[in-house]
């Protein structure tokens, strides 16, 4: 479940930076930063309105955000308690129910099918 949260955060951050970069930063600014015209991204028959450099920066920033969130989630006791609280209580309950089932099954086998211990 937590892995899905990290991947969702990474994907949402990636999409945000690609859209924001495509809308907010024009190609002349990119060219002045990198020293050459931005390289457009071309798939089979379509040319996308984003550059390779924008995709590279978006991947880097979204991966960094995912790494930061992962470290935060692992080290923050309050987040772990909130996220894993219900999960661990459910797991404890399932283990307890299974243990009771095993004890009852062991006792029913020991008693035998007729109830006389044979």
N, C-alpha and C. Protein backbone atom coordinates (compact mmCIF):
# COMPACT_ATOMS: atom_id res chain seq x y z
N UNK A 1 0.82 -1.19 0.00
CA UNK A 1 0.00 0.00 0.00
C UNK A 1 0.87 1.27 0.00
N UNK A 2 1.90 1.25 0.82
CA UNK A 2 2.76 2.43 0.90
C UNK A 2 3.53 2.61 -0.41
N UNK A 3 3.88 1.51 -1.06
CA UNK A 3 4.55 1.59 -2.35
C UNK A 3 3.65 2.28 -3.37
N UNK A 4 2.38 1.97 -3.32
CA UNK A 4 1.44 2.62 -4.24
C UNK A 4 1.37 4.12 -3.96
N UNK A 5 1.42 4.51 -2.70
CA UNK A 5 1.42 5.93 -2.36
C UNK A 5 2.65 6.62 -2.94
N UNK A 6 3.80 5.98 -2.84
CA UNK A 6 5.03 6.56 -3.36
C UNK A 6 4.94 6.69 -4.88
N UNK A 7 4.49 5.63 -5.57
CA UNK A 7 4.39 5.69 -7.02
C UNK A 7 3.37 6.73 -7.47
N UNK A 8 2.27 6.85 -6.75
CA UNK A 8 1.27 7.87 -7.08
C UNK A 8 1.85 9.27 -6.91
N UNK A 9 2.59 9.48 -5.83
CA UNK A 9 3.24 10.78 -5.62
C UNK A 9 4.24 11.08 -6.73
N UNK A 10 5.06 10.09 -7.09
CA UNK A 10 6.06 10.29 -8.14
C UNK A 10 5.38 10.61 -9.46
N UNK A 11 4.33 9.87 -9.80
CA UNK A 11 3.63 10.11 -11.07
C UNK A 11 2.97 11.48 -11.08
N UNK A 12 2.29 11.85 -10.00
CA UNK A 12 1.62 13.15 -9.94
C UNK A 12 2.64 14.29 -10.01
N UNK A 13 3.77 14.13 -9.34
CA UNK A 13 4.82 15.15 -9.38
C UNK A 13 5.39 15.27 -10.79
N UNK A 14 5.61 14.14 -11.45
CA UNK A 14 6.13 14.14 -12.82
C UNK A 14 5.17 14.86 -13.75
N UNK A 15 3.90 14.52 -13.69
CA UNK A 15 2.90 15.17 -14.56
C UNK A 15 2.84 16.67 -14.27
N UNK A 16 2.87 17.04 -13.00
CA UNK A 16 2.82 18.45 -12.64
C UNK A 16 3.99 19.20 -13.26
N UNK A 17 5.21 18.70 -13.10
CA UNK A 17 6.37 19.40 -13.62
C UNK A 17 6.40 19.45 -15.14
N UNK A 18 5.94 18.40 -15.80
CA UNK A 18 5.89 18.43 -17.26
C UNK A 18 4.89 19.48 -17.74
N UNK A 19 3.70 19.49 -17.16
CA UNK A 19 2.69 20.47 -17.57
C UNK A 19 3.12 21.88 -17.20
N UNK A 20 3.61 22.06 -15.99
CA UNK A 20 4.05 23.38 -15.55
C UNK A 20 5.21 23.88 -16.41
N UNK A 21 6.17 23.02 -16.67
CA UNK A 21 7.31 23.42 -17.49
C UNK A 21 6.91 23.74 -18.92
N UNK A 22 5.98 22.98 -19.48
CA UNK A 22 5.54 23.23 -20.85
C UNK A 22 4.78 24.55 -20.94
N UNK A 23 4.04 24.89 -19.89
CA UNK A 23 3.24 26.12 -19.92
C UNK A 23 4.04 27.36 -19.49
N UNK A 24 4.92 27.20 -18.53
CA UNK A 24 5.55 28.37 -17.92
C UNK A 24 6.90 28.77 -18.51
N UNK A 25 7.62 27.84 -19.10
CA UNK A 25 8.97 28.14 -19.57
C UNK A 25 9.03 27.97 -21.08
N UNK A 26 9.31 29.07 -21.78
CA UNK A 26 9.35 28.97 -23.24
C UNK A 26 10.72 28.50 -23.70
N UNK A 27 10.83 28.17 -24.98
CA UNK A 27 12.04 27.54 -25.51
C UNK A 27 13.24 28.48 -25.53
N UNK A 28 13.01 29.80 -25.60
CA UNK A 28 14.16 30.72 -25.58
C UNK A 28 14.84 30.72 -24.21
N UNK A 29 14.04 30.60 -23.15
CA UNK A 29 14.62 30.52 -21.81
C UNK A 29 15.38 29.22 -21.65
N UNK A 30 14.81 28.13 -22.12
CA UNK A 30 15.49 26.84 -22.05
C UNK A 30 16.80 26.89 -22.82
N UNK A 31 16.76 27.49 -24.01
CA UNK A 31 17.97 27.59 -24.83
C UNK A 31 19.06 28.41 -24.13
N UNK A 32 18.67 29.47 -23.45
CA UNK A 32 19.67 30.27 -22.74
C UNK A 32 20.25 29.51 -21.55
N UNK A 33 19.47 28.60 -20.95
CA UNK A 33 19.97 27.82 -19.83
C UNK A 33 20.90 26.70 -20.26
N UNK A 34 20.53 25.98 -21.34
CA UNK A 34 21.30 24.78 -21.70
C UNK A 34 22.31 25.04 -22.82
N UNK A 35 22.24 26.19 -23.50
CA UNK A 35 23.22 26.54 -24.50
C UNK A 35 22.92 26.04 -25.90
N UNK A 36 21.82 25.36 -26.09
CA UNK A 36 21.40 24.91 -27.43
C UNK A 36 19.89 24.80 -27.45
N UNK A 37 19.28 24.78 -28.63
CA UNK A 37 17.82 24.67 -28.68
C UNK A 37 17.35 23.37 -28.03
N UNK A 38 16.21 23.40 -27.35
CA UNK A 38 15.71 22.17 -26.72
C UNK A 38 15.38 21.12 -27.77
N UNK A 39 15.64 19.87 -27.42
CA UNK A 39 15.38 18.75 -28.33
C UNK A 39 13.95 18.28 -28.11
N UNK A 40 13.09 18.36 -29.16
CA UNK A 40 11.70 17.93 -28.97
C UNK A 40 11.59 16.41 -28.83
N UNK A 41 10.58 15.99 -28.12
CA UNK A 41 10.32 14.56 -27.94
C UNK A 41 9.41 14.12 -29.07
N UNK A 42 9.85 13.11 -29.80
CA UNK A 42 9.08 12.61 -30.94
C UNK A 42 8.82 11.13 -30.73
N UNK A 43 7.55 10.76 -30.72
CA UNK A 43 7.17 9.35 -30.70
C UNK A 43 6.80 8.97 -32.12
N UNK A 44 6.52 7.73 -32.36
CA UNK A 44 6.33 7.15 -33.69
C UNK A 44 5.85 8.15 -34.74
N UNK A 45 4.71 8.74 -34.56
CA UNK A 45 4.19 9.68 -35.57
C UNK A 45 3.85 11.04 -34.98
N UNK A 46 3.97 11.18 -33.67
CA UNK A 46 3.55 12.43 -33.04
C UNK A 46 4.74 13.15 -32.41
N UNK A 47 4.73 14.45 -32.55
CA UNK A 47 5.73 15.29 -31.88
C UNK A 47 5.07 15.94 -30.68
N UNK A 48 5.60 15.66 -29.52
CA UNK A 48 5.00 16.19 -28.29
C UNK A 48 5.48 17.62 -28.05
N UNK A 49 4.66 18.44 -27.39
CA UNK A 49 5.04 19.83 -27.14
C UNK A 49 5.99 20.01 -25.96
N UNK A 50 6.76 18.99 -25.65
CA UNK A 50 7.73 19.07 -24.55
C UNK A 50 9.11 18.68 -25.07
N UNK A 51 10.12 19.12 -24.36
CA UNK A 51 11.49 18.82 -24.77
C UNK A 51 12.05 17.66 -23.96
N UNK A 52 13.11 17.08 -24.50
CA UNK A 52 13.79 16.00 -23.78
C UNK A 52 14.34 16.51 -22.46
N UNK A 53 14.84 17.72 -22.45
CA UNK A 53 15.38 18.30 -21.22
C UNK A 53 14.31 18.47 -20.15
N UNK A 54 13.12 18.88 -20.56
CA UNK A 54 12.01 19.02 -19.61
C UNK A 54 11.65 17.67 -19.02
N UNK A 55 11.61 16.63 -19.84
CA UNK A 55 11.30 15.30 -19.32
C UNK A 55 12.39 14.82 -18.37
N UNK A 56 13.65 15.10 -18.68
CA UNK A 56 14.75 14.68 -17.81
C UNK A 56 14.67 15.37 -16.45
N UNK A 57 14.42 16.68 -16.46
CA UNK A 57 14.31 17.42 -15.20
C UNK A 57 13.09 16.95 -14.42
N UNK A 58 11.99 16.69 -15.10
CA UNK A 58 10.77 16.23 -14.42
C UNK A 58 10.98 14.86 -13.80
N UNK A 59 11.66 13.97 -14.50
CA UNK A 59 11.95 12.64 -13.94
C UNK A 59 12.83 12.79 -12.70
N UNK A 60 13.87 13.62 -12.78
CA UNK A 60 14.77 13.80 -11.64
C UNK A 60 14.02 14.36 -10.43
N UNK A 61 13.22 15.42 -10.64
CA UNK A 61 12.53 16.04 -9.51
C UNK A 61 11.47 15.12 -8.92
N UNK A 62 10.77 14.38 -9.75
CA UNK A 62 9.75 13.47 -9.23
C UNK A 62 10.39 12.29 -8.50
N UNK A 63 11.51 11.79 -9.01
CA UNK A 63 12.22 10.71 -8.31
C UNK A 63 12.74 11.21 -6.96
N UNK A 64 13.26 12.42 -6.92
CA UNK A 64 13.74 12.99 -5.66
C UNK A 64 12.59 13.16 -4.68
N UNK A 65 11.43 13.62 -5.16
CA UNK A 65 10.26 13.77 -4.29
C UNK A 65 9.82 12.41 -3.74
N UNK A 66 9.85 11.37 -4.59
CA UNK A 66 9.50 10.03 -4.13
C UNK A 66 10.47 9.51 -3.10
N UNK A 67 11.76 9.75 -3.30
CA UNK A 67 12.77 9.33 -2.33
C UNK A 67 12.57 10.07 -1.01
N UNK A 68 12.33 11.37 -1.08
CA UNK A 68 12.12 12.15 0.14
C UNK A 68 10.89 11.64 0.90
N UNK A 69 9.80 11.39 0.19
CA UNK A 69 8.59 10.90 0.83
C UNK A 69 8.82 9.53 1.46
N UNK A 70 9.56 8.67 0.78
CA UNK A 70 9.84 7.34 1.32
C UNK A 70 10.63 7.44 2.61
N UNK A 71 11.67 8.26 2.62
CA UNK A 71 12.48 8.44 3.84
C UNK A 71 11.64 9.04 4.95
N UNK A 72 10.80 10.02 4.62
CA UNK A 72 9.94 10.64 5.62
C UNK A 72 8.97 9.61 6.21
N UNK A 73 8.37 8.80 5.33
CA UNK A 73 7.39 7.81 5.80
C UNK A 73 8.03 6.75 6.69
N UNK A 74 9.27 6.40 6.39
CA UNK A 74 9.95 5.38 7.18
C UNK A 74 10.41 5.91 8.52
N UNK A 75 10.87 7.16 8.55
CA UNK A 75 11.46 7.68 9.78
C UNK A 75 10.48 8.40 10.70
N UNK A 76 9.35 8.85 10.22
CA UNK A 76 8.41 9.60 11.04
C UNK A 76 7.48 8.65 11.79
N UNK A 77 7.59 8.65 13.11
CA UNK A 77 6.79 7.74 13.94
C UNK A 77 5.31 8.05 13.84
N UNK A 78 4.95 9.32 13.78
CA UNK A 78 3.52 9.68 13.68
C UNK A 78 2.89 9.18 12.40
N UNK A 79 3.60 9.31 11.30
CA UNK A 79 3.07 8.81 10.02
C UNK A 79 2.95 7.30 10.05
N UNK A 80 3.97 6.62 10.56
CA UNK A 80 3.90 5.15 10.65
C UNK A 80 2.73 4.71 11.50
N UNK A 81 2.54 5.39 12.63
CA UNK A 81 1.43 5.04 13.52
C UNK A 81 0.10 5.25 12.82
N UNK A 82 -0.03 6.36 12.11
CA UNK A 82 -1.28 6.65 11.39
C UNK A 82 -1.50 5.66 10.25
N UNK A 83 -0.45 5.39 9.48
CA UNK A 83 -0.60 4.54 8.30
C UNK A 83 -0.71 3.07 8.66
N UNK A 84 0.14 2.61 9.58
CA UNK A 84 0.18 1.20 9.90
C UNK A 84 -0.69 0.82 11.08
N UNK A 85 -1.32 1.78 11.77
CA UNK A 85 -2.12 1.47 12.95
C UNK A 85 -3.24 0.49 12.66
N UNK A 86 -4.10 0.82 11.71
CA UNK A 86 -5.21 -0.07 11.35
C UNK A 86 -4.70 -1.37 10.76
N UNK A 87 -3.68 -1.27 9.96
CA UNK A 87 -3.11 -2.45 9.32
C UNK A 87 -2.55 -3.42 10.35
N UNK A 88 -1.81 -2.93 11.32
CA UNK A 88 -1.23 -3.82 12.33
C UNK A 88 -2.30 -4.38 13.26
N UNK A 89 -3.32 -3.58 13.57
CA UNK A 89 -4.42 -4.12 14.41
C UNK A 89 -5.16 -5.24 13.68
N UNK A 90 -5.39 -5.06 12.39
CA UNK A 90 -6.04 -6.11 11.61
C UNK A 90 -5.19 -7.36 11.51
N UNK A 91 -3.89 -7.17 11.36
CA UNK A 91 -2.98 -8.30 11.29
C UNK A 91 -2.93 -9.04 12.62
N UNK A 92 -2.88 -8.31 13.72
CA UNK A 92 -2.89 -8.94 15.05
C UNK A 92 -4.17 -9.74 15.25
N UNK A 93 -5.30 -9.19 14.82
CA UNK A 93 -6.57 -9.88 14.97
C UNK A 93 -6.59 -11.16 14.12
N UNK A 94 -6.10 -11.08 12.90
CA UNK A 94 -6.08 -12.26 12.02
C UNK A 94 -5.19 -13.35 12.60
N UNK A 95 -4.05 -12.97 13.15
CA UNK A 95 -3.15 -13.96 13.75
C UNK A 95 -3.79 -14.58 14.98
N UNK A 96 -4.47 -13.77 15.79
CA UNK A 96 -5.16 -14.30 16.97
C UNK A 96 -6.27 -15.27 16.61
N UNK A 97 -7.06 -14.94 15.61
CA UNK A 97 -8.14 -15.82 15.18
C UNK A 97 -7.58 -17.13 14.64
N UNK A 98 -6.48 -17.05 13.89
CA UNK A 98 -5.86 -18.26 13.35
C UNK A 98 -5.33 -19.14 14.48
N UNK A 99 -4.76 -18.54 15.50
CA UNK A 99 -4.23 -19.31 16.62
C UNK A 99 -5.37 -20.02 17.38
N UNK A 100 -6.48 -19.34 17.58
CA UNK A 100 -7.65 -19.96 18.23
C UNK A 100 -8.17 -21.12 17.38
N UNK A 101 -8.21 -20.92 16.06
CA UNK A 101 -8.65 -21.97 15.16
C UNK A 101 -7.75 -23.20 15.26
N UNK A 102 -6.43 -22.98 15.30
CA UNK A 102 -5.51 -24.10 15.38
C UNK A 102 -5.66 -24.85 16.71
N UNK A 103 -5.87 -24.11 17.80
CA UNK A 103 -6.06 -24.76 19.11
C UNK A 103 -7.34 -25.58 19.11
N UNK A 104 -8.43 -25.02 18.61
CA UNK A 104 -9.70 -25.75 18.57
C UNK A 104 -9.61 -26.98 17.66
N UNK A 105 -8.92 -26.83 16.56
CA UNK A 105 -8.77 -27.97 15.64
C UNK A 105 -7.93 -29.07 16.29
N UNK A 106 -6.86 -28.71 16.98
CA UNK A 106 -6.02 -29.68 17.67
C UNK A 106 -6.83 -30.41 18.74
N UNK A 107 -7.66 -29.67 19.47
CA UNK A 107 -8.48 -30.31 20.52
C UNK A 107 -9.53 -31.23 19.92
N UNK A 108 -10.12 -30.84 18.78
CA UNK A 108 -11.14 -31.70 18.18
C UNK A 108 -10.52 -32.97 17.61
N UNK A 109 -9.28 -32.90 17.12
CA UNK A 109 -8.61 -34.10 16.63
C UNK A 109 -8.24 -34.99 17.80
N UNK A 110 -7.82 -34.41 18.92
CA UNK A 110 -7.45 -35.20 20.09
C UNK A 110 -8.64 -35.92 20.69
N UNK A 111 -9.79 -35.29 20.66
CA UNK A 111 -10.99 -35.90 21.24
C UNK A 111 -11.50 -37.02 20.36
N UNK A 112 -11.39 -36.89 19.06
CA UNK A 112 -11.84 -37.93 18.13
C UNK A 112 -13.24 -37.63 17.62
N UNK A 113 -13.66 -38.35 16.59
CA UNK A 113 -14.96 -38.05 15.97
C UNK A 113 -16.16 -38.43 16.85
N UNK A 114 -16.00 -39.36 17.78
CA UNK A 114 -17.12 -39.78 18.60
C UNK A 114 -17.17 -39.02 19.92
N UNK A 115 -16.16 -38.23 20.20
CA UNK A 115 -16.14 -37.46 21.42
C UNK A 115 -15.69 -38.24 22.63
N UNK A 116 -15.18 -39.46 22.43
CA UNK A 116 -14.76 -40.27 23.57
C UNK A 116 -13.25 -40.43 23.67
N UNK A 117 -12.52 -39.66 22.88
CA UNK A 117 -11.05 -39.72 22.96
C UNK A 117 -10.46 -40.81 22.09
N UNK A 118 -11.27 -41.54 21.33
CA UNK A 118 -10.73 -42.62 20.50
C UNK A 118 -10.45 -42.18 19.09
